[in-house]
């Protein structure tokens, strides 16, 4: 199979068209994507605190993630990329939608943030040997067409001793009611058709896709949402949304 064919295999054309249409909404915190803005604040604190714990940093410091090379896969309009850059990380944001990348670049310039944005796939980055201290894979895996192939490429991007964060939605009866019926049809938090329940990976499935490439999960947490109060918080329950932190063993490490 040609390289270009392999790169395109995990990109879903319908998903790409949907997010191009949403690109101009990314930076409207009270607009249709308000759940993502609320979630971004929660996941930013989660990422900051756990990376500081593992690297011996002060999370209250002025640039606690300084010196870390970080990739934000499926960066969209740049919400998480900007949050990480604000914490001092050197951020490379990539997305398969050029419209999203253009939105992200413009907003970063307006904020005076030096973030590298690129229209690219994980497969393309892995093919040119890119490696990062931290790979952010947040709210992406449930949208790709070939999850095992996508994760194989993403895993190659994690440097020895490096970390990855994954955030997605569990696949079970509860998530169908909450994430599909509730979020898209009852409360209309997301446009209908945003998610396909069959593509939600269970935590066990995600851990298997990481472990096959020598990447070990070290933390997991659930995320709860109250659509009436527009609040989100960490929870022991992983029945719907969940996040995990995993690490690749360093060279020479036993």
Protein backbone atom coordinates (compact mmCIF):
# COMPACT_ATOMS: atom_id res chain seq x y z
CA UNK A 1 0.00 0.00 0.00
CA UNK A 2 1.29 3.47 -0.87
CA UNK A 3 2.17 5.81 1.99
CA UNK A 4 -0.54 8.30 1.03
CA UNK A 5 -3.15 5.54 1.13
CA UNK A 6 -2.01 4.56 4.61
CA UNK A 7 -2.14 8.18 5.77
CA UNK A 8 -5.68 8.65 4.46
CA UNK A 9 -7.04 5.39 5.88
CA UNK A 10 -7.83 6.77 9.33
CA UNK A 11 -9.42 10.02 8.11
CA UNK A 12 -13.21 9.86 7.94
CA UNK A 13 -14.50 12.16 5.16
CA UNK A 14 -17.86 12.80 6.85
CA UNK A 15 -16.17 13.70 10.15
CA UNK A 16 -13.80 16.07 8.34
CA UNK A 17 -16.67 17.89 6.57
CA UNK A 18 -18.59 18.24 9.85
CA UNK A 19 -15.71 19.88 11.69
CA UNK A 20 -14.89 22.20 8.81
CA UNK A 21 -18.42 23.56 9.18
CA UNK A 22 -17.83 24.07 12.91
CA UNK A 23 -14.45 25.78 12.56
CA UNK A 24 -15.76 29.33 12.95
CA UNK A 25 -17.43 28.39 16.24
CA UNK A 26 -14.32 27.25 18.07
CA UNK A 27 -13.67 30.47 19.98
CA UNK A 28 -17.23 31.27 21.04
CA UNK A 29 -17.26 30.14 24.71
CA UNK A 30 -21.03 30.68 25.01
CA UNK A 31 -21.80 29.24 21.58
CA UNK A 32 -22.62 25.71 20.47
CA UNK A 33 -19.21 24.43 21.55
CA UNK A 34 -19.46 25.66 25.14
CA UNK A 35 -19.07 22.06 26.45
CA UNK A 36 -15.61 21.93 24.88
CA UNK A 37 -14.62 25.20 26.56
CA UNK A 38 -15.75 23.90 29.96
CA UNK A 39 -14.02 20.57 29.34
CA UNK A 40 -10.86 22.36 28.27
CA UNK A 41 -10.52 24.03 31.66
CA UNK A 42 -10.93 20.68 33.41
CA UNK A 43 -8.49 18.76 31.22
CA UNK A 44 -5.93 21.58 31.33
CA UNK A 45 -5.72 21.29 35.11
CA UNK A 46 -5.60 17.49 34.91
CA UNK A 47 -2.73 17.52 32.41
CA UNK A 48 -0.79 20.25 34.23
CA UNK A 49 -1.06 18.64 37.65
CA UNK A 50 -0.09 15.15 36.55
CA UNK A 51 2.81 16.28 34.39
CA UNK A 52 4.12 18.45 37.21
CA UNK A 53 3.86 15.49 39.57
CA UNK A 54 5.78 13.22 37.21
CA UNK A 55 8.45 15.77 36.25
CA UNK A 56 8.85 17.30 39.70
CA UNK A 57 7.46 20.73 38.78
CA UNK A 58 5.45 23.29 40.72
CA UNK A 59 1.99 23.54 39.12
CA UNK A 60 1.59 27.02 40.59
CA UNK A 61 4.79 28.25 38.94
CA UNK A 62 4.77 30.78 36.07
CA UNK A 63 5.62 28.22 33.35
CA UNK A 64 5.35 24.76 34.91
CA UNK A 65 5.54 22.89 31.58
CA UNK A 66 8.52 24.80 30.19
CA UNK A 67 10.91 22.67 28.14
CA UNK A 68 8.38 19.96 27.30
CA UNK A 69 7.85 19.22 23.60
CA UNK A 70 4.12 18.60 23.22
CA UNK A 71 1.90 17.41 20.38
CA UNK A 72 -1.83 18.19 20.33
CA UNK A 73 -3.43 15.75 17.86
CA UNK A 74 -6.75 16.88 16.43
CA UNK A 75 -6.16 20.33 17.89
CA UNK A 76 -9.26 21.84 16.28
CA UNK A 77 -9.32 25.59 16.78
CA UNK A 78 -6.47 25.45 19.30
CA UNK A 79 -8.20 25.55 22.69
CA UNK A 80 -5.96 23.00 24.37
CA UNK A 81 -2.86 24.01 22.41
CA UNK A 82 -3.17 27.58 23.67
CA UNK A 83 -3.74 26.41 27.25
CA UNK A 84 -0.58 24.28 27.13
CA UNK A 85 1.47 27.04 25.52
CA UNK A 86 0.30 29.36 28.29
CA UNK A 87 1.82 26.90 30.76
CA UNK A 88 5.18 27.10 28.99
CA UNK A 89 5.12 23.99 26.78
CA UNK A 90 6.50 24.03 23.23
CA UNK A 91 3.35 23.04 21.34
CA UNK A 92 2.83 21.52 17.91
CA UNK A 93 -0.87 21.41 17.04
CA UNK A 94 -2.05 19.27 14.13
CA UNK A 95 -5.46 18.66 12.59
CA UNK A 96 -6.70 17.09 9.36
CA UNK A 97 -8.98 20.09 8.73
CA UNK A 98 -7.15 23.03 7.22
CA UNK A 99 -10.06 25.30 8.23
CA UNK A 100 -9.46 24.45 11.89
CA UNK A 101 -5.74 25.08 11.52
CA UNK A 102 -6.36 28.49 9.98
CA UNK A 103 -8.65 29.40 12.89
CA UNK A 104 -6.03 28.19 15.40
CA UNK A 105 -3.19 30.11 13.73
CA UNK A 106 -5.13 33.35 13.63
CA UNK A 107 -6.21 33.16 17.26
CA UNK A 108 -2.71 32.26 18.47
CA UNK A 109 -1.26 35.29 16.66
CA UNK A 110 -3.90 37.51 18.22
CA UNK A 111 -2.91 36.18 21.67
CA UNK A 112 0.80 36.55 21.00
CA UNK A 113 1.42 32.80 21.42
CA UNK A 114 4.18 31.01 19.51
CA UNK A 115 2.47 27.74 18.58
CA UNK A 116 3.36 25.63 15.55
CA UNK A 117 0.21 24.58 13.70
CA UNK A 118 0.09 22.20 10.77
CA UNK A 119 -2.50 20.40 8.67
CA UNK A 120 -1.26 16.84 9.04
CA UNK A 121 -2.12 13.31 10.18
CA UNK A 122 -0.51 11.30 12.95
CA UNK A 123 0.65 8.86 10.29
CA UNK A 124 2.49 11.60 8.42
CA UNK A 125 4.26 12.80 11.57
CA UNK A 126 5.26 9.27 12.55
CA UNK A 127 6.52 8.66 9.02
CA UNK A 128 8.99 11.51 9.28
CA UNK A 129 10.24 10.37 12.68
CA UNK A 130 8.67 13.08 14.87
CA UNK A 131 8.88 12.43 18.62
CA UNK A 132 7.44 14.32 21.60
CA UNK A 133 7.72 14.35 25.39
CA UNK A 134 3.93 14.56 25.67
CA UNK A 135 1.27 13.54 23.15
CA UNK A 136 -2.27 14.85 23.74
CA UNK A 137 -4.90 12.65 22.11
CA UNK A 138 -8.06 14.28 23.42
CA UNK A 139 -11.57 13.67 22.07
CA UNK A 140 -10.15 12.30 18.80
CA UNK A 141 -10.14 8.50 18.91
CA UNK A 142 -13.93 8.26 18.73
CA UNK A 143 -13.88 10.01 15.34
CA UNK A 144 -11.23 8.09 13.38
CA UNK A 145 -12.08 5.47 10.76
CA UNK A 146 -9.41 2.91 11.75
CA UNK A 147 -8.62 3.12 15.46
CA UNK A 148 -5.87 0.44 15.62
CA UNK A 149 -4.00 2.02 12.71
CA UNK A 150 -4.41 5.49 14.17
CA UNK A 151 -3.14 4.43 17.59
CA UNK A 152 -0.19 2.60 16.07
CA UNK A 153 0.89 5.88 14.48
CA UNK A 154 0.20 7.95 17.61
CA UNK A 155 2.17 5.57 19.80
CA UNK A 156 5.22 5.96 17.59
CA UNK A 157 5.21 9.68 18.35
CA UNK A 158 5.86 9.24 22.09
CA UNK A 159 9.52 9.57 23.04
CA UNK A 160 11.12 7.02 25.40
CA UNK A 161 10.14 8.10 28.90
CA UNK A 162 7.41 10.28 27.41
CA UNK A 163 3.72 10.48 28.27
CA UNK A 164 0.40 10.52 26.47
CA UNK A 165 -3.06 11.61 27.56
CA UNK A 166 -6.18 10.13 25.97
CA UNK A 167 -9.72 11.43 26.50
CA UNK A 168 -12.78 9.83 24.95
CA UNK A 169 -16.18 8.24 25.67
CA UNK A 170 -16.84 4.72 26.94
CA UNK A 171 -19.02 2.30 24.98
CA UNK A 172 -21.91 0.90 27.00
CA UNK A 173 -25.63 1.37 27.49
CA UNK A 174 -25.13 4.35 29.81
CA UNK A 175 -22.96 6.21 27.31
CA UNK A 176 -25.55 5.65 24.57
CA UNK A 177 -28.23 7.27 26.71
CA UNK A 178 -26.03 10.11 27.99
CA UNK A 179 -23.65 10.89 25.12
CA UNK A 180 -25.97 10.20 22.18
CA UNK A 181 -29.59 10.61 23.27
CA UNK A 182 -28.92 13.14 26.03
CA UNK A 183 -26.13 15.26 24.57
CA UNK A 184 -27.28 15.32 20.94
CA UNK A 185 -31.07 14.94 21.08
CA UNK A 186 -32.42 16.01 24.49
CA UNK A 187 -30.08 18.76 25.76
CA UNK A 188 -28.62 19.50 22.30
CA UNK A 189 -25.15 20.07 23.71
CA UNK A 190 -23.71 18.86 20.41
CA UNK A 191 -25.04 18.76 16.84
CA UNK A 192 -26.82 15.53 15.97
CA UNK A 193 -24.46 13.03 14.38
CA UNK A 194 -21.38 14.35 16.17
CA UNK A 195 -20.71 10.90 17.62
CA UNK A 196 -21.22 7.30 16.54
CA UNK A 197 -21.73 5.05 19.57
CA UNK A 198 -20.08 2.08 17.87
CA UNK A 199 -16.81 4.02 17.66
CA UNK A 200 -16.55 4.72 21.38
CA UNK A 201 -13.62 2.64 22.76
CA UNK A 202 -13.81 1.12 26.21
CA UNK A 203 -10.99 1.91 28.67
CA UNK A 204 -9.82 -1.68 28.35
CA UNK A 205 -9.63 -1.42 24.57
CA UNK A 206 -7.63 1.79 24.80
CA UNK A 207 -5.20 0.25 27.27
CA UNK A 208 -4.69 -2.73 24.96
CA UNK A 209 -3.89 -0.44 22.02
CA UNK A 210 -1.31 1.35 24.16
CA UNK A 211 0.21 -1.73 25.77
CA UNK A 212 0.86 -3.47 22.47
CA UNK A 213 3.46 -0.76 21.79
CA UNK A 214 5.01 -0.81 25.25
CA UNK A 215 3.02 2.10 26.70
CA UNK A 216 1.62 1.57 30.19
CA UNK A 217 -1.43 3.31 31.63
CA UNK A 218 -0.58 4.92 34.97
CA UNK A 219 -3.74 6.94 35.75
CA UNK A 220 -7.40 6.85 34.77
CA UNK A 221 -10.33 9.03 35.73
CA UNK A 222 -13.92 9.55 34.74
CA UNK A 223 -15.50 12.90 33.86
CA UNK A 224 -19.03 13.90 34.85
CA UNK A 225 -21.16 16.56 33.17
CA UNK A 226 -24.16 18.54 34.42
CA UNK A 227 -25.72 20.15 31.31
CA UNK A 228 -28.10 22.26 33.38
CA UNK A 229 -25.37 24.01 35.40
CA UNK A 230 -22.74 23.69 32.65
CA UNK A 231 -20.31 22.09 35.09
CA UNK A 232 -17.82 19.25 34.58
CA UNK A 233 -15.73 17.49 37.21
CA UNK A 234 -13.48 14.46 37.70
CA UNK A 235 -15.20 11.33 38.96
CA UNK A 236 -14.30 7.72 39.86
CA UNK A 237 -17.02 6.61 37.42
CA UNK A 238 -15.81 5.98 33.86
CA UNK A 239 -19.26 5.01 32.61
CA UNK A 240 -19.35 7.84 30.03
CA UNK A 241 -16.41 10.23 29.61
CA UNK A 242 -12.95 9.23 30.78
CA UNK A 243 -9.31 10.32 30.56
CA UNK A 244 -6.14 8.32 30.97
CA UNK A 245 -2.43 9.03 31.33
CA UNK A 246 0.10 6.52 29.98
CA UNK A 247 3.90 6.39 29.75
CA UNK A 248 6.44 4.80 27.45
CA UNK A 249 9.32 3.15 29.26
CA UNK A 250 12.60 5.05 29.00
CA UNK A 251 15.59 3.52 27.25
CA UNK A 252 17.56 1.28 29.61
CA UNK A 253 14.76 1.35 32.16
CA UNK A 254 13.88 -1.96 33.78
